[in-house]
Amino acid sequence: MNTYNINKGIGRTVEFKGLKAQYLFLFAGGLLGMLILVMILYMTGVNSYLCLFIGIGGGSLLVWQTFSLNKKYGEHGLMKVGANKRHPRYIICRKPVHRYFKMNSKLY
């Protein structure tokens, strides 16, 4: 009787050719968008050499940017950068300092 190992990748992130997690989806969505853009340009009558140049140039730019983001930020780094942008740089405190130390009788 043969035994088969299944579910070897439980708990691991999705990875393809070095691209991990959200970069893989960014890469696939970008290539799909580039394909649709080239198809729309071709159907509207734009020169086919220009469509080819836009498709190859945009696709190679997308591949280069995606792999550089993956190398720079790592698996979860892009989400950390996005979360860091949502944090306030500083907290504005307009009340006088003595107001924070007074006891409020309504709360107790």
N, C-alpha and C. Protein backbone atom coordinates (compact mmCIF):
# COMPACT_ATOMS: atom_id res chain seq x y z
N MET A 1 0.85 -1.18 0.00
CA MET A 1 0.00 0.00 0.00
C MET A 1 0.89 1.24 0.00
N ASN A 2 0.59 2.17 -0.87
CA ASN A 2 1.37 3.41 -0.97
C ASN A 2 0.85 4.44 0.03
N THR A 3 1.79 5.21 0.57
CA THR A 3 1.38 6.32 1.43
C THR A 3 1.75 7.61 0.72
N TYR A 4 0.85 8.56 0.75
CA TYR A 4 1.04 9.83 0.08
C TYR A 4 1.03 10.96 1.11
N ASN A 5 1.98 11.85 0.96
CA ASN A 5 2.00 13.03 1.81
C ASN A 5 1.18 14.13 1.14
N ILE A 6 0.21 14.64 1.86
CA ILE A 6 -0.61 15.72 1.32
C ILE A 6 -0.52 16.91 2.24
N ASN A 7 -0.91 18.05 1.73
CA ASN A 7 -0.95 19.29 2.50
C ASN A 7 0.42 19.65 3.08
N LYS A 8 1.44 19.61 2.27
CA LYS A 8 2.78 19.96 2.74
C LYS A 8 2.92 21.45 3.00
N GLY A 9 2.11 22.26 2.35
CA GLY A 9 2.29 23.70 2.44
C GLY A 9 1.36 24.41 3.40
N ILE A 10 0.82 23.70 4.37
CA ILE A 10 -0.10 24.34 5.31
C ILE A 10 0.68 25.32 6.18
N GLY A 11 0.18 26.53 6.28
CA GLY A 11 0.81 27.55 7.11
C GLY A 11 1.85 28.38 6.37
N ARG A 12 2.24 27.96 5.17
CA ARG A 12 3.21 28.73 4.39
C ARG A 12 2.49 29.69 3.45
N THR A 13 3.18 30.74 3.07
CA THR A 13 2.58 31.70 2.14
C THR A 13 2.73 31.20 0.71
N VAL A 14 1.91 31.75 -0.15
CA VAL A 14 1.96 31.40 -1.56
C VAL A 14 3.23 31.99 -2.15
N GLU A 15 3.94 31.20 -2.94
CA GLU A 15 5.18 31.68 -3.54
C GLU A 15 5.31 31.11 -4.94
N PHE A 16 5.75 31.96 -5.88
CA PHE A 16 5.98 31.52 -7.26
C PHE A 16 7.18 32.29 -7.80
N LYS A 17 8.22 31.58 -8.15
CA LYS A 17 9.45 32.15 -8.72
C LYS A 17 10.02 33.26 -7.84
N GLY A 18 9.89 33.15 -6.54
CA GLY A 18 10.45 34.13 -5.62
C GLY A 18 9.48 35.20 -5.19
N LEU A 19 8.38 35.38 -5.90
CA LEU A 19 7.38 36.36 -5.49
C LEU A 19 6.51 35.76 -4.40
N LYS A 20 6.31 36.52 -3.33
CA LYS A 20 5.55 36.01 -2.20
C LYS A 20 4.31 36.85 -1.96
N ALA A 21 3.29 36.20 -1.49
CA ALA A 21 2.06 36.78 -0.96
C ALA A 21 1.45 37.84 -1.88
N GLN A 22 1.36 39.08 -1.40
CA GLN A 22 0.63 40.11 -2.14
C GLN A 22 1.34 40.51 -3.42
N TYR A 23 2.65 40.31 -3.52
CA TYR A 23 3.36 40.66 -4.74
C TYR A 23 2.96 39.77 -5.89
N LEU A 24 2.62 38.53 -5.60
CA LEU A 24 2.18 37.61 -6.64
C LEU A 24 0.85 38.07 -7.22
N PHE A 25 -0.05 38.51 -6.36
CA PHE A 25 -1.35 39.00 -6.83
C PHE A 25 -1.20 40.34 -7.54
N LEU A 26 -0.31 41.17 -7.08
CA LEU A 26 -0.02 42.44 -7.75
C LEU A 26 0.55 42.19 -9.14
N PHE A 27 1.43 41.23 -9.24
CA PHE A 27 2.05 40.87 -10.51
C PHE A 27 1.02 40.32 -11.49
N ALA A 28 0.20 39.38 -11.04
CA ALA A 28 -0.80 38.77 -11.92
C ALA A 28 -1.85 39.79 -12.35
N GLY A 29 -2.31 40.61 -11.43
CA GLY A 29 -3.30 41.64 -11.76
C GLY A 29 -2.74 42.68 -12.70
N GLY A 30 -1.49 43.06 -12.51
CA GLY A 30 -0.85 44.04 -13.39
C GLY A 30 -0.68 43.52 -14.80
N LEU A 31 -0.27 42.26 -14.93
CA LEU A 31 -0.13 41.67 -16.28
C LEU A 31 -1.47 41.53 -16.97
N LEU A 32 -2.50 41.17 -16.21
CA LEU A 32 -3.83 41.08 -16.78
C LEU A 32 -4.33 42.45 -17.23
N GLY A 33 -4.09 43.46 -16.42
CA GLY A 33 -4.47 44.82 -16.81
C GLY A 33 -3.71 45.31 -18.03
N MET A 34 -2.43 44.96 -18.12
CA MET A 34 -1.63 45.36 -19.27
C MET A 34 -2.14 44.67 -20.54
N LEU A 35 -2.52 43.39 -20.42
CA LEU A 35 -3.07 42.67 -21.57
C LEU A 35 -4.37 43.31 -22.04
N ILE A 36 -5.24 43.66 -21.11
CA ILE A 36 -6.51 44.29 -21.47
C ILE A 36 -6.28 45.65 -22.11
N LEU A 37 -5.32 46.42 -21.59
CA LEU A 37 -5.01 47.73 -22.16
C LEU A 37 -4.52 47.59 -23.60
N VAL A 38 -3.63 46.64 -23.85
CA VAL A 38 -3.11 46.44 -25.21
C VAL A 38 -4.23 45.98 -26.15
N MET A 39 -5.11 45.12 -25.65
CA MET A 39 -6.22 44.66 -26.49
C MET A 39 -7.16 45.81 -26.84
N ILE A 40 -7.44 46.69 -25.89
CA ILE A 40 -8.31 47.84 -26.16
C ILE A 40 -7.64 48.79 -27.14
N LEU A 41 -6.35 49.04 -26.96
CA LEU A 41 -5.64 49.91 -27.90
C LEU A 41 -5.64 49.34 -29.31
N TYR A 42 -5.45 48.03 -29.42
CA TYR A 42 -5.41 47.40 -30.74
C TYR A 42 -6.79 47.45 -31.41
N MET A 43 -7.85 47.25 -30.64
CA MET A 43 -9.21 47.27 -31.21
C MET A 43 -9.64 48.68 -31.60
N THR A 44 -9.08 49.71 -30.96
CA THR A 44 -9.45 51.07 -31.32
C THR A 44 -8.68 51.57 -32.54
N GLY A 45 -7.74 50.79 -33.01
CA GLY A 45 -7.06 51.15 -34.26
C GLY A 45 -5.70 51.78 -34.08
N VAL A 46 -5.11 51.67 -32.91
CA VAL A 46 -3.77 52.20 -32.70
C VAL A 46 -2.79 51.30 -33.46
N ASN A 47 -1.71 51.88 -33.93
CA ASN A 47 -0.70 51.14 -34.67
C ASN A 47 -0.26 49.90 -33.87
N SER A 48 -0.15 48.77 -34.57
CA SER A 48 0.17 47.52 -33.88
C SER A 48 1.58 47.52 -33.30
N TYR A 49 2.52 48.24 -33.93
CA TYR A 49 3.87 48.33 -33.36
C TYR A 49 3.87 49.14 -32.06
N LEU A 50 3.03 50.18 -32.01
CA LEU A 50 2.91 50.97 -30.79
C LEU A 50 2.26 50.13 -29.68
N CYS A 51 1.24 49.34 -30.04
CA CYS A 51 0.62 48.45 -29.05
C CYS A 51 1.63 47.43 -28.54
N LEU A 52 2.44 46.90 -29.43
CA LEU A 52 3.46 45.93 -29.05
C LEU A 52 4.49 46.56 -28.13
N PHE A 53 4.92 47.78 -28.45
CA PHE A 53 5.88 48.50 -27.63
C PHE A 53 5.31 48.80 -26.25
N ILE A 54 4.06 49.25 -26.19
CA ILE A 54 3.41 49.54 -24.91
C ILE A 54 3.25 48.27 -24.08
N GLY A 55 2.87 47.17 -24.72
CA GLY A 55 2.69 45.91 -24.01
C GLY A 55 4.00 45.36 -23.44
N ILE A 56 5.04 45.34 -24.27
CA ILE A 56 6.32 44.81 -23.82
C ILE A 56 6.97 45.74 -22.80
N GLY A 57 6.92 47.05 -23.07
CA GLY A 57 7.52 48.01 -22.14
C GLY A 57 6.80 48.04 -20.80
N GLY A 58 5.48 48.08 -20.83
CA GLY A 58 4.70 48.09 -19.59
C GLY A 58 4.84 46.79 -18.81
N GLY A 59 4.85 45.67 -19.52
CA GLY A 59 5.00 44.38 -18.86
C GLY A 59 6.36 44.23 -18.20
N SER A 60 7.41 44.66 -18.92
CA SER A 60 8.75 44.54 -18.33
C SER A 60 8.92 45.50 -17.15
N LEU A 61 8.33 46.69 -17.25
CA LEU A 61 8.37 47.63 -16.12
C LEU A 61 7.64 47.06 -14.92
N LEU A 62 6.51 46.43 -15.17
CA LEU A 62 5.73 45.81 -14.09
C LEU A 62 6.51 44.67 -13.43
N VAL A 63 7.15 43.83 -14.23
CA VAL A 63 7.95 42.72 -13.69
C VAL A 63 9.10 43.27 -12.85
N TRP A 64 9.80 44.26 -13.38
CA TRP A 64 10.94 44.84 -12.67
C TRP A 64 10.52 45.47 -11.35
N GLN A 65 9.43 46.25 -11.36
CA GLN A 65 8.97 46.92 -10.13
C GLN A 65 8.48 45.91 -9.09
N THR A 66 7.78 44.88 -9.55
CA THR A 66 7.25 43.90 -8.60
C THR A 66 8.38 43.14 -7.91
N PHE A 67 9.37 42.72 -8.67
CA PHE A 67 10.48 41.99 -8.07
C PHE A 67 11.32 42.90 -7.18
N SER A 68 11.46 44.17 -7.54
CA SER A 68 12.23 45.07 -6.67
C SER A 68 11.49 45.36 -5.37
N LEU A 69 10.15 45.49 -5.42
CA LEU A 69 9.37 45.66 -4.19
C LEU A 69 9.45 44.43 -3.31
N ASN A 70 9.41 43.25 -3.94
CA ASN A 70 9.52 42.00 -3.19
C ASN A 70 10.87 41.90 -2.50
N LYS A 71 11.92 42.32 -3.18
CA LYS A 71 13.27 42.26 -2.60
C LYS A 71 13.45 43.31 -1.50
N LYS A 72 12.87 44.49 -1.71
CA LYS A 72 13.07 45.59 -0.76
C LYS A 72 12.27 45.40 0.53
N TYR A 73 10.99 45.05 0.40
CA TYR A 73 10.12 45.01 1.57
C TYR A 73 9.87 43.63 2.14
N GLY A 74 10.09 42.58 1.39
CA GLY A 74 9.88 41.23 1.91
C GLY A 74 8.42 40.83 1.90
N GLU A 75 8.14 39.80 2.63
CA GLU A 75 6.82 39.18 2.56
C GLU A 75 5.70 40.07 3.08
N HIS A 76 5.88 40.67 4.25
CA HIS A 76 4.82 41.48 4.85
C HIS A 76 5.18 42.97 4.87
N GLY A 77 6.29 43.34 4.28
CA GLY A 77 6.78 44.71 4.38
C GLY A 77 5.90 45.75 3.72
N LEU A 78 5.28 45.38 2.60
CA LEU A 78 4.43 46.34 1.90
C LEU A 78 3.20 46.69 2.73
N MET A 79 2.67 45.72 3.46
CA MET A 79 1.54 46.00 4.36
C MET A 79 1.99 46.85 5.54
N LYS A 80 3.21 46.63 6.02
CA LYS A 80 3.73 47.44 7.13
C LYS A 80 3.94 48.88 6.70
N VAL A 81 4.41 49.09 5.48
CA VAL A 81 4.60 50.46 4.98
C VAL A 81 3.25 51.15 4.85
N GLY A 82 2.25 50.44 4.34
CA GLY A 82 0.91 51.01 4.24
C GLY A 82 0.30 51.34 5.59
N ALA A 83 0.53 50.47 6.58
CA ALA A 83 0.02 50.73 7.93
C ALA A 83 0.76 51.89 8.58
N ASN A 84 2.04 52.03 8.30
CA ASN A 84 2.82 53.11 8.88
C ASN A 84 2.37 54.47 8.36
N LYS A 85 1.89 54.52 7.13
CA LYS A 85 1.40 55.78 6.57
C LYS A 85 0.10 56.23 7.21
N ARG A 86 -0.65 55.31 7.80
CA ARG A 86 -1.92 55.66 8.44
C ARG A 86 -1.75 56.19 9.86
N HIS A 87 -0.61 55.98 10.45
CA HIS A 87 -0.37 56.48 11.82
C HIS A 87 -0.14 57.98 11.79
N PRO A 88 -0.65 58.69 12.79
CA PRO A 88 -0.39 60.13 12.84
C PRO A 88 1.07 60.40 13.18
N ARG A 89 1.60 61.48 12.63
CA ARG A 89 2.99 61.82 12.92
C ARG A 89 3.16 62.33 14.34
N TYR A 90 2.17 63.06 14.82
CA TYR A 90 2.20 63.55 16.18
C TYR A 90 0.77 63.75 16.64
N ILE A 91 0.59 63.82 17.95
CA ILE A 91 -0.73 64.02 18.54
C ILE A 91 -0.82 65.45 19.02
N ILE A 92 -1.85 66.14 18.61
CA ILE A 92 -2.03 67.53 19.00
C ILE A 92 -2.82 67.56 20.30
N CYS A 93 -2.29 68.25 21.27
CA CYS A 93 -2.92 68.38 22.57
C CYS A 93 -3.20 69.86 22.79
N ARG A 94 -4.47 70.26 22.72
CA ARG A 94 -4.80 71.67 22.84
C ARG A 94 -5.30 72.06 24.22
N LYS A 95 -5.52 71.09 25.10
CA LYS A 95 -5.98 71.41 26.45
C LYS A 95 -4.79 71.81 27.31
N PRO A 96 -5.02 72.63 28.31
CA PRO A 96 -3.94 72.91 29.26
C PRO A 96 -3.58 71.65 30.05
N VAL A 97 -2.37 71.57 30.51
CA VAL A 97 -1.87 70.37 31.17
C VAL A 97 -2.63 70.08 32.45
N HIS A 98 -2.99 71.12 33.21
CA HIS A 98 -3.68 70.90 34.49
C HIS A 98 -5.05 70.27 34.30
N ARG A 99 -5.65 70.35 33.12
CA ARG A 99 -6.96 69.75 32.87
C ARG A 99 -6.90 68.23 32.85
N TYR A 100 -5.77 67.68 32.54
CA TYR A 100 -5.61 66.23 32.49
C TYR A 100 -5.45 65.62 33.88
N PHE A 101 -5.05 66.38 34.85
CA PHE A 101 -4.81 65.87 36.19
C PHE A 101 -5.99 66.08 37.13
N LYS A 102 -7.02 66.79 36.73
CA LYS A 102 -8.18 67.00 37.57
C LYS A 102 -9.04 65.73 37.60
N MET A 103 -9.60 65.45 38.76
CA MET A 103 -10.50 64.32 38.90
C MET A 103 -11.89 64.74 38.46
N ASN A 104 -12.51 63.94 37.66
CA ASN A 104 -13.86 64.22 37.22
C ASN A 104 -14.82 63.47 38.13
N SER A 105 -15.67 64.19 38.85
CA SER A 105 -16.56 63.57 39.82
C SER A 105 -17.69 62.80 39.13
N LYS A 106 -18.00 63.08 37.90
CA LYS A 106 -19.08 62.39 37.19
C LYS A 106 -18.71 60.95 36.85
N LEU A 107 -17.44 60.67 36.69
CA LEU A 107 -17.04 59.32 36.35
C LEU A 107 -17.05 58.37 37.54
N TYR A 108 -16.88 58.90 38.76
CA TYR A 108 -16.78 58.04 39.94
C TYR A 108 -17.99 58.08 40.74
